[in-house]
């Protein structure tokens, strides 16, 4: 293992860690992901896989595994509550999608409901 292998392993390891932190800090449920977050999450996964296979193709085995391990470690670190909150505060793109309140539908030919003011007496 030469110097270039070590340098490449460190560079892709840092990139994998950053990608894992970024994706791990996004909301876990797809219903809370914005469209932009969904796209970023998909592209991050695709890029990680492509880089992994490129590194394997060029026989940089240590580097290929370092990017995967670093991405998993970054994802796990991003799930630590204190770090998760810090990442969300630093990067507004990571905040969950704001839920829109459903608008009430306009009433169409509905009769107003009458309130029954009479109380029933229970007799047994």
Protein backbone atom coordinates (compact mmCIF):
# COMPACT_ATOMS: atom_id res chain seq x y z
CA UNK A 1 0.00 0.00 0.00
CA UNK A 2 1.59 3.20 -1.20
CA UNK A 3 1.27 6.84 -0.28
CA UNK A 4 -1.32 7.46 -2.97
CA UNK A 5 -3.51 4.69 -1.60
CA UNK A 6 -3.38 6.22 1.87
CA UNK A 7 -4.10 9.75 0.61
CA UNK A 8 -7.04 8.54 -1.50
CA UNK A 9 -8.39 6.51 1.45
CA UNK A 10 -8.27 9.58 3.70
CA UNK A 11 -9.91 11.85 1.12
CA UNK A 12 -12.75 9.46 0.29
CA UNK A 13 -13.13 8.65 3.99
CA UNK A 14 -13.67 12.33 4.82
CA UNK A 15 -16.07 12.69 1.88
CA UNK A 16 -17.97 9.58 2.99
CA UNK A 17 -18.17 10.86 6.56
CA UNK A 18 -19.52 14.21 5.36
CA UNK A 19 -22.09 12.51 3.11
CA UNK A 20 -23.16 10.21 5.93
CA UNK A 21 -23.55 13.12 8.36
CA UNK A 22 -25.57 15.09 5.82
CA UNK A 23 -27.92 12.24 4.90
CA UNK A 24 -28.19 11.06 8.50
CA UNK A 25 -29.29 14.50 9.67
CA UNK A 26 -32.21 14.55 7.24
CA UNK A 27 -35.64 13.47 8.49
CA UNK A 28 -36.02 9.71 8.78
CA UNK A 29 -39.56 9.54 7.41
CA UNK A 30 -40.20 10.28 3.75
CA UNK A 31 -43.40 12.12 4.66
CA UNK A 32 -41.21 14.74 6.39
CA UNK A 33 -38.72 15.06 3.52
CA UNK A 34 -39.04 18.01 1.18
CA UNK A 35 -38.66 17.38 -2.54
CA UNK A 36 -35.17 18.88 -2.48
CA UNK A 37 -34.11 16.69 0.47
CA UNK A 38 -35.45 13.62 -1.29
CA UNK A 39 -33.40 14.42 -4.41
CA UNK A 40 -30.23 15.13 -2.39
CA UNK A 41 -30.64 11.87 -0.47
CA UNK A 42 -31.06 9.85 -3.67
CA UNK A 43 -28.10 11.49 -5.42
CA UNK A 44 -25.86 11.04 -2.36
CA UNK A 45 -26.59 7.31 -2.38
CA UNK A 46 -25.96 7.00 -6.11
CA UNK A 47 -22.69 8.94 -5.92
CA UNK A 48 -21.45 6.84 -2.98
CA UNK A 49 -22.16 3.62 -4.86
CA UNK A 50 -20.54 4.87 -8.08
CA UNK A 51 -17.41 6.03 -6.23
CA UNK A 52 -17.28 2.70 -4.36
CA UNK A 53 -17.35 0.72 -7.61
CA UNK A 54 -14.82 3.03 -9.28
CA UNK A 55 -12.43 2.52 -6.40
CA UNK A 56 -12.96 -1.23 -6.60
CA UNK A 57 -12.33 -1.13 -10.37
CA UNK A 58 -9.03 0.67 -9.82
CA UNK A 59 -8.09 -1.89 -7.16
CA UNK A 60 -8.09 0.67 -4.34
CA UNK A 61 -9.68 -1.77 -1.90
CA UNK A 62 -8.84 0.11 1.30
CA UNK A 63 -10.26 3.31 -0.17
CA UNK A 64 -13.42 1.62 -1.39
CA UNK A 65 -14.15 0.21 2.04
CA UNK A 66 -13.16 3.41 3.82
CA UNK A 67 -15.85 5.41 1.99
CA UNK A 68 -18.55 2.89 2.92
CA UNK A 69 -17.46 2.59 6.56
CA UNK A 70 -17.10 6.38 6.88
CA UNK A 71 -20.57 6.97 5.39
CA UNK A 72 -22.12 4.50 7.83
CA UNK A 73 -20.22 6.08 10.73
CA UNK A 74 -21.35 9.56 9.64
CA UNK A 75 -24.94 8.40 9.42
CA UNK A 76 -24.74 6.91 12.92
CA UNK A 77 -23.10 10.05 14.33
CA UNK A 78 -25.82 12.23 12.82
CA UNK A 79 -28.42 10.31 14.82
CA UNK A 80 -26.89 11.49 18.14
CA UNK A 81 -29.49 14.02 19.35
CA UNK A 82 -27.08 16.85 20.24
CA UNK A 83 -25.16 16.57 16.97
CA UNK A 84 -28.41 16.15 15.03
CA UNK A 85 -29.81 19.41 16.45
CA UNK A 86 -26.53 21.22 15.74
CA UNK A 87 -26.52 20.06 12.11
CA UNK A 88 -30.13 21.12 11.62
CA UNK A 89 -29.35 24.55 13.09
CA UNK A 90 -26.26 24.95 10.84
CA UNK A 91 -27.87 23.78 7.60
CA UNK A 92 -31.47 24.90 7.00
CA UNK A 93 -31.86 22.37 4.16
CA UNK A 94 -31.86 19.60 6.78
CA UNK A 95 -34.97 20.85 8.58
CA UNK A 96 -38.09 18.70 8.24
CA UNK A 97 -40.74 19.77 5.77
CA UNK A 98 -43.29 22.05 7.34
CA UNK A 99 -46.67 20.39 7.40
CA UNK A 100 -49.35 22.34 5.65
CA UNK A 101 -52.63 22.61 7.45
CA UNK A 102 -55.42 21.19 5.34
CA UNK A 103 -57.79 23.87 4.15
CA UNK A 104 -61.39 23.31 5.13
CA UNK A 105 -63.56 22.43 2.20
CA UNK A 106 -66.40 24.82 1.49
CA UNK A 107 -69.78 23.52 2.53
CA UNK A 108 -72.01 22.59 -0.38
CA UNK A 109 -75.74 22.46 0.24
CA UNK A 110 -75.36 21.21 3.75
CA UNK A 111 -78.05 21.81 6.29
CA UNK A 112 -76.80 23.12 9.59
CA UNK A 113 -76.86 20.52 12.29
CA UNK A 114 -79.38 21.13 15.04
CA UNK A 115 -78.17 20.82 18.55
CA UNK A 116 -80.34 18.60 20.66
CA UNK A 117 -80.96 20.68 23.73
CA UNK A 118 -83.15 18.09 25.38
CA UNK A 119 -81.42 15.85 27.84
CA UNK A 120 -82.45 12.26 27.96
CA UNK A 121 -83.42 10.84 31.23
CA UNK A 122 -82.31 7.36 31.89
CA UNK A 123 -84.96 5.22 33.48
CA UNK A 124 -84.32 1.72 34.49
